[in-house]
Amino acid sequence: MERDLLEEQIAYYSARAPEYQAKDPAEGPLRPAHEALMGLGPCAHVLELACGTGVWTKELARIGDFVTAVDASPEMLEINRRTVADPRVRYQQHDLFTWQPEDQYDLVFVGFWLSHVPPDLLEPFLDRICRAVRPRGHLILIDQCDDLRGGPVPDREGICERRSVTDGRTFTIVKVYYHPGVLALRLARAGFDARAHRIGDSFFYVIGRRV
């Protein structure tokens, strides 16, 4: 059942890719996280997981000599490739629940993905991204810590949430709100000097440096 749910989640983001509207992270509520990210550069090689349509990929290319951008959705990757249009960005299509790091990186960035990881898969996923960070490299996680104020009331049952796209199709995805302090403690156990930061009521970022 869980595998079916994860496949449906990938299908949802593929279907949503053409209508995905992401705001400039340098403006609005995510500006503190953006400033923290920019402060980690320059970096030789950056890894971005769940890169989506490229709103954060553009920013990572500003501080990285090379960026490896990974996503499960070919539709998301194609839009990202066209939007970012930077030859220093290399794209890879992988299911992030089976993905294994090929290398170690100066910076690993995971934006708005952890909340789509089921609790029983969180530890192995964190293990893999921690292994992808080279000694003295950095890991940054950005996500939601609560429902967005002013947004529609989600159709949710347990860790599952129903989402719709403009053509009327509906999908079930995973939506879990992890506590940023707990994530920082988990990174500390993996050998990171990690700090959690809340942004208002609905967002957080966690920065860890591998010691």
N, C-alpha and C. Protein backbone atom coordinates (compact mmCIF):
# COMPACT_ATOMS: atom_id res chain seq x y z
N MET A 1 0.83 -1.21 0.00
CA MET A 1 0.00 0.00 0.00
C MET A 1 0.87 1.26 0.00
N GLU A 2 1.96 1.26 0.83
CA GLU A 2 2.80 2.45 0.89
C GLU A 2 3.47 2.73 -0.45
N ARG A 3 3.92 1.67 -1.14
CA ARG A 3 4.55 1.86 -2.44
C ARG A 3 3.56 2.49 -3.42
N ASP A 4 2.30 2.05 -3.38
CA ASP A 4 1.28 2.63 -4.25
C ASP A 4 1.08 4.11 -3.93
N LEU A 5 1.10 4.45 -2.64
CA LEU A 5 0.94 5.85 -2.23
C LEU A 5 2.08 6.70 -2.75
N LEU A 6 3.30 6.20 -2.66
CA LEU A 6 4.45 6.97 -3.12
C LEU A 6 4.45 7.13 -4.64
N GLU A 7 4.00 6.10 -5.35
CA GLU A 7 3.87 6.22 -6.81
C GLU A 7 2.81 7.25 -7.17
N GLU A 8 1.72 7.29 -6.41
CA GLU A 8 0.67 8.28 -6.67
C GLU A 8 1.18 9.69 -6.38
N GLN A 9 2.02 9.81 -5.38
CA GLN A 9 2.60 11.12 -5.07
C GLN A 9 3.47 11.62 -6.23
N ILE A 10 4.28 10.73 -6.81
CA ILE A 10 5.08 11.11 -7.97
C ILE A 10 4.17 11.52 -9.13
N ALA A 11 3.08 10.77 -9.33
CA ALA A 11 2.15 11.08 -10.41
C ALA A 11 1.51 12.45 -10.20
N TYR A 12 1.22 12.78 -8.94
CA TYR A 12 0.63 14.09 -8.65
C TYR A 12 1.57 15.21 -9.06
N TYR A 13 2.82 15.12 -8.68
CA TYR A 13 3.73 16.21 -9.01
C TYR A 13 4.05 16.27 -10.50
N SER A 14 4.00 15.15 -11.18
CA SER A 14 4.13 15.18 -12.64
C SER A 14 2.94 15.90 -13.27
N ALA A 15 1.73 15.60 -12.76
CA ALA A 15 0.53 16.25 -13.28
C ALA A 15 0.48 17.73 -12.96
N ARG A 16 1.03 18.08 -11.80
CA ARG A 16 0.97 19.47 -11.35
C ARG A 16 2.07 20.34 -11.95
N ALA A 17 3.10 19.72 -12.50
CA ALA A 17 4.27 20.46 -12.96
C ALA A 17 3.93 21.66 -13.85
N PRO A 18 3.05 21.52 -14.86
CA PRO A 18 2.79 22.68 -15.74
C PRO A 18 2.10 23.84 -15.04
N GLU A 19 1.43 23.60 -13.91
CA GLU A 19 0.68 24.66 -13.23
C GLU A 19 1.34 25.10 -11.93
N TYR A 20 2.53 24.57 -11.67
CA TYR A 20 3.19 24.86 -10.39
C TYR A 20 3.67 26.31 -10.39
N GLN A 21 3.25 27.06 -9.38
CA GLN A 21 3.63 28.45 -9.25
C GLN A 21 4.40 28.63 -7.94
N ALA A 22 5.68 28.87 -8.03
CA ALA A 22 6.50 29.07 -6.85
C ALA A 22 6.98 30.51 -6.80
N LYS A 23 6.94 31.10 -5.61
CA LYS A 23 7.34 32.49 -5.45
C LYS A 23 8.86 32.60 -5.32
N ASP A 24 9.37 33.78 -5.65
CA ASP A 24 10.79 34.07 -5.52
C ASP A 24 11.19 33.93 -4.06
N PRO A 25 12.11 32.99 -3.72
CA PRO A 25 12.47 32.81 -2.31
C PRO A 25 13.21 33.98 -1.71
N ALA A 26 13.74 34.87 -2.55
CA ALA A 26 14.45 36.05 -2.04
C ALA A 26 13.49 37.08 -1.48
N GLU A 27 12.21 36.91 -1.74
CA GLU A 27 11.19 37.84 -1.26
C GLU A 27 10.18 37.08 -0.41
N GLY A 28 9.42 37.79 0.39
CA GLY A 28 8.35 37.15 1.15
C GLY A 28 8.84 36.41 2.37
N PRO A 29 8.03 35.48 2.88
CA PRO A 29 8.31 34.84 4.16
C PRO A 29 9.56 33.97 4.18
N LEU A 30 9.99 33.47 3.02
CA LEU A 30 11.15 32.58 3.00
C LEU A 30 12.49 33.32 2.87
N ARG A 31 12.44 34.62 2.92
CA ARG A 31 13.67 35.40 2.76
C ARG A 31 14.74 35.04 3.77
N PRO A 32 14.43 34.82 5.07
CA PRO A 32 15.50 34.43 6.01
C PRO A 32 16.19 33.12 5.62
N ALA A 33 15.42 32.16 5.12
CA ALA A 33 16.02 30.90 4.68
C ALA A 33 16.89 31.13 3.45
N HIS A 34 16.42 31.97 2.55
CA HIS A 34 17.20 32.28 1.34
C HIS A 34 18.51 32.95 1.71
N GLU A 35 18.48 33.89 2.64
CA GLU A 35 19.70 34.58 3.04
C GLU A 35 20.68 33.61 3.70
N ALA A 36 20.16 32.70 4.51
CA ALA A 36 21.02 31.70 5.14
C ALA A 36 21.67 30.80 4.09
N LEU A 37 20.90 30.41 3.08
CA LEU A 37 21.42 29.58 2.01
C LEU A 37 22.51 30.31 1.23
N MET A 38 22.27 31.56 0.86
CA MET A 38 23.26 32.32 0.10
C MET A 38 24.54 32.49 0.91
N GLY A 39 24.42 32.52 2.23
CA GLY A 39 25.59 32.68 3.07
C GLY A 39 26.49 31.46 3.14
N LEU A 40 26.03 30.33 2.60
CA LEU A 40 26.83 29.11 2.60
C LEU A 40 27.78 29.03 1.41
N GLY A 41 27.61 29.92 0.43
CA GLY A 41 28.46 29.89 -0.75
C GLY A 41 29.75 30.66 -0.53
N PRO A 42 30.68 30.54 -1.48
CA PRO A 42 30.61 29.71 -2.68
C PRO A 42 30.91 28.24 -2.38
N CYS A 43 30.37 27.36 -3.23
CA CYS A 43 30.54 25.92 -3.09
C CYS A 43 31.00 25.34 -4.43
N ALA A 44 31.80 24.31 -4.36
CA ALA A 44 32.26 23.66 -5.59
C ALA A 44 31.14 22.85 -6.23
N HIS A 45 30.48 21.99 -5.43
CA HIS A 45 29.46 21.09 -5.99
C HIS A 45 28.28 21.03 -5.03
N VAL A 46 27.10 21.30 -5.57
CA VAL A 46 25.86 21.34 -4.80
C VAL A 46 24.94 20.22 -5.27
N LEU A 47 24.26 19.58 -4.33
CA LEU A 47 23.25 18.59 -4.64
C LEU A 47 21.90 19.12 -4.19
N GLU A 48 20.93 19.13 -5.09
CA GLU A 48 19.55 19.50 -4.75
C GLU A 48 18.65 18.31 -4.98
N LEU A 49 17.93 17.91 -3.94
CA LEU A 49 16.98 16.81 -4.04
C LEU A 49 15.57 17.36 -4.09
N ALA A 50 14.72 16.74 -4.92
CA ALA A 50 13.35 17.23 -5.17
C ALA A 50 13.43 18.65 -5.71
N CYS A 51 14.13 18.80 -6.83
CA CYS A 51 14.43 20.13 -7.36
C CYS A 51 13.23 20.83 -7.97
N GLY A 52 12.17 20.09 -8.32
CA GLY A 52 10.97 20.73 -8.84
C GLY A 52 11.23 21.53 -10.10
N THR A 53 10.52 22.65 -10.22
CA THR A 53 10.57 23.44 -11.45
C THR A 53 11.73 24.42 -11.50
N GLY A 54 12.52 24.52 -10.43
CA GLY A 54 13.76 25.27 -10.52
C GLY A 54 13.87 26.55 -9.72
N VAL A 55 12.87 26.88 -8.89
CA VAL A 55 12.94 28.15 -8.18
C VAL A 55 14.15 28.20 -7.24
N TRP A 56 14.48 27.09 -6.60
CA TRP A 56 15.68 27.05 -5.75
C TRP A 56 16.92 26.68 -6.55
N THR A 57 16.76 25.94 -7.64
CA THR A 57 17.92 25.56 -8.46
C THR A 57 18.64 26.81 -8.97
N LYS A 58 17.87 27.81 -9.38
CA LYS A 58 18.46 29.07 -9.83
C LYS A 58 19.36 29.68 -8.76
N GLU A 59 18.86 29.67 -7.53
CA GLU A 59 19.62 30.26 -6.44
C GLU A 59 20.86 29.44 -6.12
N LEU A 60 20.74 28.12 -6.17
CA LEU A 60 21.89 27.26 -5.91
C LEU A 60 22.98 27.46 -6.96
N ALA A 61 22.58 27.72 -8.20
CA ALA A 61 23.55 27.95 -9.25
C ALA A 61 24.31 29.26 -9.05
N ARG A 62 23.77 30.14 -8.23
CA ARG A 62 24.46 31.40 -7.92
C ARG A 62 25.63 31.18 -6.97
N ILE A 63 25.55 30.14 -6.13
CA ILE A 63 26.61 29.92 -5.14
C ILE A 63 27.43 28.66 -5.41
N GLY A 64 27.01 27.84 -6.38
CA GLY A 64 27.71 26.60 -6.68
C GLY A 64 28.38 26.64 -8.05
N ASP A 65 29.57 26.07 -8.12
CA ASP A 65 30.23 25.95 -9.43
C ASP A 65 29.47 24.95 -10.30
N PHE A 66 28.99 23.87 -9.67
CA PHE A 66 28.19 22.87 -10.36
C PHE A 66 27.04 22.45 -9.44
N VAL A 67 25.90 22.15 -10.05
CA VAL A 67 24.73 21.72 -9.29
C VAL A 67 24.21 20.42 -9.90
N THR A 68 23.99 19.42 -9.07
CA THR A 68 23.29 18.21 -9.48
C THR A 68 21.87 18.30 -8.93
N ALA A 69 20.90 18.31 -9.83
CA ALA A 69 19.49 18.50 -9.46
C ALA A 69 18.73 17.20 -9.72
N VAL A 70 18.08 16.68 -8.68
CA VAL A 70 17.45 15.36 -8.75
C VAL A 70 15.96 15.50 -8.47
N ASP A 71 15.15 14.80 -9.26
CA ASP A 71 13.71 14.76 -9.01
C ASP A 71 13.16 13.46 -9.60
N ALA A 72 12.02 13.02 -9.06
CA ALA A 72 11.38 11.80 -9.57
C ALA A 72 10.54 12.06 -10.80
N SER A 73 10.13 13.32 -11.00
CA SER A 73 9.19 13.65 -12.07
C SER A 73 9.93 14.14 -13.31
N PRO A 74 9.81 13.46 -14.45
CA PRO A 74 10.45 13.96 -15.67
C PRO A 74 9.85 15.29 -16.12
N GLU A 75 8.57 15.51 -15.82
CA GLU A 75 7.94 16.78 -16.19
C GLU A 75 8.55 17.94 -15.41
N MET A 76 8.76 17.73 -14.11
CA MET A 76 9.41 18.76 -13.30
C MET A 76 10.82 19.04 -13.81
N LEU A 77 11.57 18.00 -14.13
CA LEU A 77 12.94 18.16 -14.59
C LEU A 77 13.00 18.93 -15.90
N GLU A 78 12.07 18.67 -16.79
CA GLU A 78 12.07 19.36 -18.08
C GLU A 78 11.78 20.84 -17.91
N ILE A 79 10.82 21.17 -17.06
CA ILE A 79 10.53 22.58 -16.81
C ILE A 79 11.72 23.26 -16.14
N ASN A 80 12.33 22.57 -15.19
CA ASN A 80 13.51 23.11 -14.52
C ASN A 80 14.61 23.39 -15.53
N ARG A 81 14.86 22.42 -16.39
CA ARG A 81 15.93 22.57 -17.39
C ARG A 81 15.69 23.80 -18.27
N ARG A 82 14.44 23.98 -18.71
CA ARG A 82 14.12 25.13 -19.56
C ARG A 82 14.18 26.44 -18.79
N THR A 83 13.74 26.43 -17.54
CA THR A 83 13.68 27.65 -16.74
C THR A 83 15.06 28.12 -16.31
N VAL A 84 15.86 27.20 -15.83
CA VAL A 84 17.18 27.57 -15.31
C VAL A 84 18.18 27.79 -16.44
N ALA A 85 18.14 26.91 -17.44
CA ALA A 85 18.97 27.06 -18.65
C ALA A 85 20.43 27.37 -18.31
N ASP A 86 21.01 26.55 -17.47
CA ASP A 86 22.39 26.76 -17.04
C ASP A 86 23.16 25.47 -17.29
N PRO A 87 24.20 25.51 -18.11
CA PRO A 87 24.95 24.28 -18.43
C PRO A 87 25.69 23.70 -17.24
N ARG A 88 25.81 24.45 -16.16
CA ARG A 88 26.49 23.93 -14.98
C ARG A 88 25.58 23.07 -14.10
N VAL A 89 24.30 22.98 -14.49
CA VAL A 89 23.35 22.16 -13.74
C VAL A 89 23.17 20.83 -14.46
N ARG A 90 23.40 19.75 -13.75
CA ARG A 90 23.21 18.40 -14.30
C ARG A 90 21.95 17.80 -13.67
N TYR A 91 21.11 17.20 -14.50
CA TYR A 91 19.82 16.69 -14.03
C TYR A 91 19.83 15.16 -13.97
N GLN A 92 19.17 14.65 -12.92
CA GLN A 92 19.02 13.21 -12.75
C GLN A 92 17.60 12.90 -12.32
N GLN A 93 17.02 11.88 -12.94
CA GLN A 93 15.69 11.43 -12.53
C GLN A 93 15.83 10.21 -11.63
N HIS A 94 15.38 10.35 -10.38
CA HIS A 94 15.44 9.25 -9.42
C HIS A 94 14.22 9.32 -8.50
N ASP A 95 13.71 8.17 -8.13
CA ASP A 95 12.77 8.07 -7.03
C ASP A 95 13.60 8.30 -5.75
N LEU A 96 13.27 9.33 -5.00
CA LEU A 96 14.10 9.69 -3.85
C LEU A 96 14.02 8.68 -2.72
N PHE A 97 13.06 7.76 -2.78
CA PHE A 97 12.97 6.73 -1.75
C PHE A 97 13.87 5.54 -2.06
N THR A 98 14.41 5.48 -3.26
CA THR A 98 15.39 4.45 -3.61
C THR A 98 16.74 5.04 -4.01
N TRP A 99 16.80 6.36 -4.17
CA TRP A 99 18.03 7.06 -4.56
C TRP A 99 19.14 6.80 -3.56
N GLN A 100 20.36 6.65 -4.10
CA GLN A 100 21.56 6.52 -3.28
C GLN A 100 22.57 7.57 -3.76
N PRO A 101 23.27 8.23 -2.84
CA PRO A 101 24.24 9.25 -3.26
C PRO A 101 25.39 8.65 -4.06
N GLU A 102 25.74 9.31 -5.15
CA GLU A 102 26.85 8.87 -5.99
C GLU A 102 28.18 9.47 -5.54
N ASP A 103 28.11 10.51 -4.75
CA ASP A 103 29.30 11.28 -4.42
C ASP A 103 29.06 11.98 -3.09
N GLN A 104 30.03 12.76 -2.65
CA GLN A 104 29.84 13.65 -1.52
C GLN A 104 29.92 15.08 -2.04
N TYR A 105 29.14 15.96 -1.42
CA TYR A 105 28.95 17.31 -1.94
C TYR A 105 29.28 18.35 -0.88
N ASP A 106 29.63 19.54 -1.35
CA ASP A 106 29.91 20.64 -0.43
C ASP A 106 28.62 21.15 0.22
N LEU A 107 27.51 21.05 -0.49
CA LEU A 107 26.22 21.50 0.03
C LEU A 107 25.14 20.58 -0.50
N VAL A 108 24.29 20.11 0.40
CA VAL A 108 23.10 19.34 0.02
C VAL A 108 21.88 20.14 0.46
N PHE A 109 20.97 20.36 -0.48
CA PHE A 109 19.79 21.18 -0.23
C PHE A 109 18.54 20.35 -0.48
N VAL A 110 17.62 20.37 0.50
CA VAL A 110 16.34 19.68 0.37
C VAL A 110 15.24 20.67 0.74
N GLY A 111 14.53 21.17 -0.26
CA GLY A 111 13.51 22.17 -0.02
C GLY A 111 12.11 21.61 -0.20
N PHE A 112 11.31 21.67 0.86
CA PHE A 112 9.90 21.30 0.83
C PHE A 112 9.68 19.86 0.33
N TRP A 113 10.52 18.97 0.83
CA TRP A 113 10.37 17.56 0.48
C TRP A 113 10.15 16.68 1.70
N LEU A 114 10.81 17.00 2.82
CA LEU A 114 10.70 16.12 3.98
C LEU A 114 9.26 15.90 4.41
N SER A 115 8.41 16.89 4.22
CA SER A 115 7.01 16.74 4.63
C SER A 115 6.26 15.74 3.76
N HIS A 116 6.89 15.26 2.69
CA HIS A 116 6.30 14.23 1.84
C HIS A 116 6.92 12.86 2.08
N VAL A 117 7.71 12.74 3.15
CA VAL A 117 8.35 11.47 3.49
C VAL A 117 7.57 10.81 4.63
N PRO A 118 7.06 9.60 4.44
CA PRO A 118 6.37 8.91 5.54
C PRO A 118 7.29 8.71 6.74
N PRO A 119 6.75 8.74 7.95
CA PRO A 119 7.60 8.62 9.15
C PRO A 119 8.49 7.39 9.16
N ASP A 120 8.03 6.25 8.66
CA ASP A 120 8.86 5.05 8.70
C ASP A 120 9.99 5.07 7.68
N LEU A 121 9.95 6.04 6.75
CA LEU A 121 11.03 6.17 5.77
C LEU A 121 11.93 7.36 6.04
N LEU A 122 11.62 8.13 7.09
CA LEU A 122 12.40 9.34 7.36
C LEU A 122 13.84 9.01 7.73
N GLU A 123 14.05 8.06 8.64
CA GLU A 123 15.41 7.75 9.09
C GLU A 123 16.31 7.29 7.94
N PRO A 124 15.88 6.33 7.11
CA PRO A 124 16.77 5.94 6.00
C PRO A 124 17.02 7.06 5.01
N PHE A 125 16.02 7.94 4.81
CA PHE A 125 16.24 9.06 3.90
C PHE A 125 17.26 10.03 4.49
N LEU A 126 17.13 10.35 5.77
CA LEU A 126 18.10 11.23 6.41
C LEU A 126 19.49 10.62 6.41
N ASP A 127 19.57 9.31 6.61
CA ASP A 127 20.87 8.64 6.55
C ASP A 127 21.55 8.86 5.21
N ARG A 128 20.78 8.74 4.14
CA ARG A 128 21.36 8.88 2.79
C ARG A 128 21.81 10.31 2.53
N ILE A 129 21.00 11.30 2.92
CA ILE A 129 21.42 12.67 2.63
C ILE A 129 22.60 13.08 3.51
N CYS A 130 22.67 12.54 4.72
CA CYS A 130 23.83 12.84 5.56
C CYS A 130 25.09 12.26 4.96
N ARG A 131 25.00 11.07 4.41
CA ARG A 131 26.18 10.45 3.77
C ARG A 131 26.63 11.22 2.55
N ALA A 132 25.72 12.00 1.95
CA ALA A 132 26.05 12.75 0.74
C ALA A 132 26.83 14.03 1.03
N VAL A 133 26.95 14.41 2.28
CA VAL A 133 27.65 15.65 2.65
C VAL A 133 29.11 15.33 2.99
N ARG A 134 30.01 16.02 2.34
CA ARG A 134 31.43 15.79 2.62
C ARG A 134 31.78 16.38 3.99
N PRO A 135 32.90 15.93 4.60
CA PRO A 135 33.35 16.55 5.84
C PRO A 135 33.50 18.07 5.68
N ARG A 136 32.96 18.81 6.64
CA ARG A 136 32.93 20.27 6.67
C ARG A 136 31.97 20.86 5.65
N GLY A 137 31.22 19.99 4.97
CA GLY A 137 30.18 20.47 4.07
C GLY A 137 28.90 20.77 4.84
N HIS A 138 27.90 21.30 4.14
CA HIS A 138 26.66 21.74 4.77
C HIS A 138 25.44 21.02 4.20
N LEU A 139 24.45 20.92 5.04
CA LEU A 139 23.14 20.39 4.67
C LEU A 139 22.11 21.41 5.12
N ILE A 140 21.16 21.75 4.25
CA ILE A 140 20.09 22.67 4.64
C ILE A 140 18.75 22.07 4.23
N LEU A 141 17.83 22.07 5.18
CA LEU A 141 16.47 21.57 4.98
C LEU A 141 15.50 22.73 5.16
N ILE A 142 14.57 22.91 4.23
CA ILE A 142 13.54 23.93 4.35
C ILE A 142 12.19 23.26 4.16
N ASP A 143 11.23 23.59 5.03
CA ASP A 143 9.92 22.95 4.89
C ASP A 143 8.87 23.69 5.72
N GLN A 144 7.67 23.13 5.70
CA GLN A 144 6.58 23.63 6.52
C GLN A 144 6.61 22.96 7.89
N CYS A 145 6.24 23.73 8.92
CA CYS A 145 6.10 23.15 10.25
C CYS A 145 4.64 23.19 10.71
N ASP A 146 3.76 23.73 9.88
CA ASP A 146 2.34 23.76 10.20
C ASP A 146 1.60 24.12 8.91
N ASP A 147 0.26 24.05 8.97
CA ASP A 147 -0.52 24.45 7.81
C ASP A 147 -0.28 25.92 7.49
N LEU A 148 -0.36 26.26 6.21
CA LEU A 148 -0.18 27.64 5.80
C LEU A 148 -1.41 28.47 6.18
N ARG A 149 -1.17 29.58 6.84
CA ARG A 149 -2.28 30.46 7.21
C ARG A 149 -2.95 31.01 5.96
N GLY A 150 -4.26 31.06 6.00
CA GLY A 150 -5.01 31.61 4.88
C GLY A 150 -5.23 30.64 3.73
N GLY A 151 -4.64 29.46 3.82
CA GLY A 151 -4.82 28.47 2.77
C GLY A 151 -6.09 27.67 2.97
N PRO A 152 -6.48 26.90 1.97
CA PRO A 152 -7.67 26.07 2.11
C PRO A 152 -7.48 24.98 3.15
N VAL A 153 -8.54 24.57 3.80
CA VAL A 153 -8.46 23.49 4.77
C VAL A 153 -8.14 22.20 4.01
N PRO A 154 -7.06 21.51 4.35
CA PRO A 154 -6.68 20.32 3.59
C PRO A 154 -7.62 19.16 3.85
N ASP A 155 -7.77 18.34 2.81
CA ASP A 155 -8.54 17.10 2.92
C ASP A 155 -7.56 16.03 3.37
N ARG A 156 -7.46 15.80 4.69
CA ARG A 156 -6.40 14.98 5.24
C ARG A 156 -6.96 13.88 6.12
N GLU A 157 -6.29 12.72 6.05
CA GLU A 157 -6.59 11.61 6.95
C GLU A 157 -5.27 10.97 7.34
N GLY A 158 -4.89 11.10 8.61
CA GLY A 158 -3.60 10.60 9.04
C GLY A 158 -2.48 11.35 8.34
N ILE A 159 -1.56 10.61 7.72
CA ILE A 159 -0.46 11.25 7.00
C ILE A 159 -0.81 11.48 5.53
N CYS A 160 -2.02 11.15 5.13
CA CYS A 160 -2.42 11.26 3.72
C CYS A 160 -3.24 12.52 3.49
N GLU A 161 -3.01 13.15 2.35
CA GLU A 161 -3.74 14.36 1.99
C GLU A 161 -4.17 14.27 0.53
N ARG A 162 -5.40 14.67 0.26
CA ARG A 162 -5.91 14.66 -1.10
C ARG A 162 -5.62 16.00 -1.78
N ARG A 163 -5.07 15.94 -2.99
CA ARG A 163 -4.77 17.13 -3.77
C ARG A 163 -5.39 17.00 -5.15
N SER A 164 -5.77 18.13 -5.73
CA SER A 164 -6.38 18.15 -7.06
C SER A 164 -5.54 19.01 -8.00
N VAL A 165 -5.64 18.71 -9.30
CA VAL A 165 -5.03 19.54 -10.33
C VAL A 165 -6.14 20.14 -11.17
N THR A 166 -5.79 21.09 -12.04
CA THR A 166 -6.82 21.88 -12.71
C THR A 166 -7.70 21.07 -13.66
N ASP A 167 -7.23 19.92 -14.13
CA ASP A 167 -8.07 19.13 -15.03
C ASP A 167 -9.07 18.25 -14.28
N GLY A 168 -9.10 18.39 -12.95
CA GLY A 168 -10.09 17.67 -12.16
C GLY A 168 -9.60 16.39 -11.52
N ARG A 169 -8.44 15.90 -11.90
CA ARG A 169 -7.92 14.68 -11.29
C ARG A 169 -7.53 14.93 -9.84
N THR A 170 -7.71 13.92 -9.01
CA THR A 170 -7.31 14.02 -7.61
C THR A 170 -6.29 12.92 -7.29
N PHE A 171 -5.41 13.24 -6.36
CA PHE A 171 -4.34 12.34 -5.98
C PHE A 171 -4.20 12.33 -4.46
N THR A 172 -3.70 11.24 -3.94
CA THR A 172 -3.37 11.15 -2.52
C THR A 172 -1.86 11.22 -2.36
N ILE A 173 -1.40 12.13 -1.49
CA ILE A 173 0.03 12.29 -1.24
C ILE A 173 0.29 12.18 0.26
N VAL A 174 1.56 12.14 0.62
CA VAL A 174 1.96 12.15 2.02
C VAL A 174 2.17 13.60 2.46
N LYS A 175 1.70 13.95 3.66
CA LYS A 175 1.96 15.27 4.23
C LYS A 175 2.14 15.12 5.73
N VAL A 176 3.39 15.31 6.18
CA VAL A 176 3.74 15.16 7.59
C VAL A 176 4.51 16.40 8.02
N TYR A 177 4.14 16.97 9.16
CA TYR A 177 4.82 18.16 9.66
C TYR A 177 5.82 17.76 10.73
N TYR A 178 7.10 17.71 10.34
CA TYR A 178 8.14 17.31 11.28
C TYR A 178 8.62 18.54 12.07
N HIS A 179 8.97 18.30 13.33
CA HIS A 179 9.43 19.39 14.18
C HIS A 179 10.88 19.72 13.83
N PRO A 180 11.20 20.99 13.57
CA PRO A 180 12.57 21.33 13.17
C PRO A 180 13.60 21.02 14.23
N GLY A 181 13.23 21.17 15.50
CA GLY A 181 14.18 20.85 16.57
C GLY A 181 14.54 19.38 16.59
N VAL A 182 13.56 18.52 16.33
CA VAL A 182 13.82 17.08 16.29
C VAL A 182 14.74 16.75 15.12
N LEU A 183 14.55 17.40 13.98
CA LEU A 183 15.42 17.17 12.83
C LEU A 183 16.85 17.60 13.14
N ALA A 184 17.01 18.73 13.82
CA ALA A 184 18.35 19.20 14.17
C ALA A 184 19.05 18.21 15.10
N LEU A 185 18.30 17.64 16.06
CA LEU A 185 18.89 16.64 16.95
C LEU A 185 19.30 15.39 16.18
N ARG A 186 18.48 15.02 15.20
CA ARG A 186 18.81 13.84 14.39
C ARG A 186 20.09 14.08 13.61
N LEU A 187 20.27 15.28 13.06
CA LEU A 187 21.50 15.59 12.34
C LEU A 187 22.70 15.61 13.28
N ALA A 188 22.49 16.10 14.50
CA ALA A 188 23.58 16.12 15.48
C ALA A 188 24.07 14.70 15.78
N ARG A 189 23.14 13.74 15.85
CA ARG A 189 23.53 12.35 16.10
C ARG A 189 24.32 11.78 14.93
N ALA A 190 24.14 12.36 13.74
CA ALA A 190 24.86 11.90 12.56
C ALA A 190 26.18 12.63 12.36
N GLY A 191 26.57 13.46 13.32
CA GLY A 191 27.86 14.12 13.22
C GLY A 191 27.83 15.52 12.64
N PHE A 192 26.68 16.19 12.76
CA PHE A 192 26.54 17.55 12.25
C PHE A 192 26.40 18.54 13.40
N ASP A 193 26.97 19.72 13.22
CA ASP A 193 26.66 20.85 14.07
C ASP A 193 25.43 21.50 13.45
N ALA A 194 24.26 21.27 14.04
CA ALA A 194 23.00 21.64 13.39
C ALA A 194 22.20 22.62 14.25
N ARG A 195 21.51 23.55 13.58
CA ARG A 195 20.65 24.52 14.24
C ARG A 195 19.32 24.61 13.48
N ALA A 196 18.24 24.68 14.25
CA ALA A 196 16.90 24.82 13.68
C ALA A 196 16.42 26.25 13.85
N HIS A 197 15.74 26.76 12.82
CA HIS A 197 15.25 28.14 12.83
C HIS A 197 13.79 28.15 12.36
N ARG A 198 12.91 28.72 13.15
CA ARG A 198 11.52 28.89 12.74
C ARG A 198 11.37 30.20 11.96
N ILE A 199 10.50 30.17 10.96
CA ILE A 199 10.16 31.38 10.19
C ILE A 199 8.65 31.57 10.35
N GLY A 200 8.27 32.46 11.22
CA GLY A 200 6.85 32.67 11.47
C GLY A 200 6.21 31.40 12.03
N ASP A 201 4.96 31.18 11.66
CA ASP A 201 4.21 30.03 12.17
C ASP A 201 4.25 28.82 11.25
N SER A 202 4.68 29.00 10.01
CA SER A 202 4.44 27.95 9.03
C SER A 202 5.68 27.37 8.36
N PHE A 203 6.85 27.96 8.56
CA PHE A 203 8.04 27.47 7.87
C PHE A 203 9.20 27.31 8.84
N PHE A 204 10.20 26.54 8.40
CA PHE A 204 11.44 26.42 9.15
C PHE A 204 12.58 26.12 8.19
N TYR A 205 13.80 26.35 8.70
CA TYR A 205 14.97 25.80 8.02
C TYR A 205 15.93 25.27 9.06
N VAL A 206 16.62 24.20 8.70
CA VAL A 206 17.62 23.58 9.55
C VAL A 206 18.93 23.55 8.77
N ILE A 207 19.98 24.07 9.36
CA ILE A 207 21.30 24.07 8.74
C ILE A 207 22.23 23.20 9.58
N GLY A 208 22.92 22.29 8.91
CA GLY A 208 23.90 21.46 9.60
C GLY A 208 25.23 21.49 8.87
N ARG A 209 26.32 21.53 9.65
CA ARG A 209 27.68 21.45 9.09
C ARG A 209 28.31 20.16 9.59
N ARG A 210 28.75 19.35 8.65
CA ARG A 210 29.36 18.08 9.03
C ARG A 210 30.72 18.31 9.64
N VAL A 211 30.93 17.80 10.84
CA VAL A 211 32.19 18.07 11.55
C VAL A 211 33.16 16.90 11.35
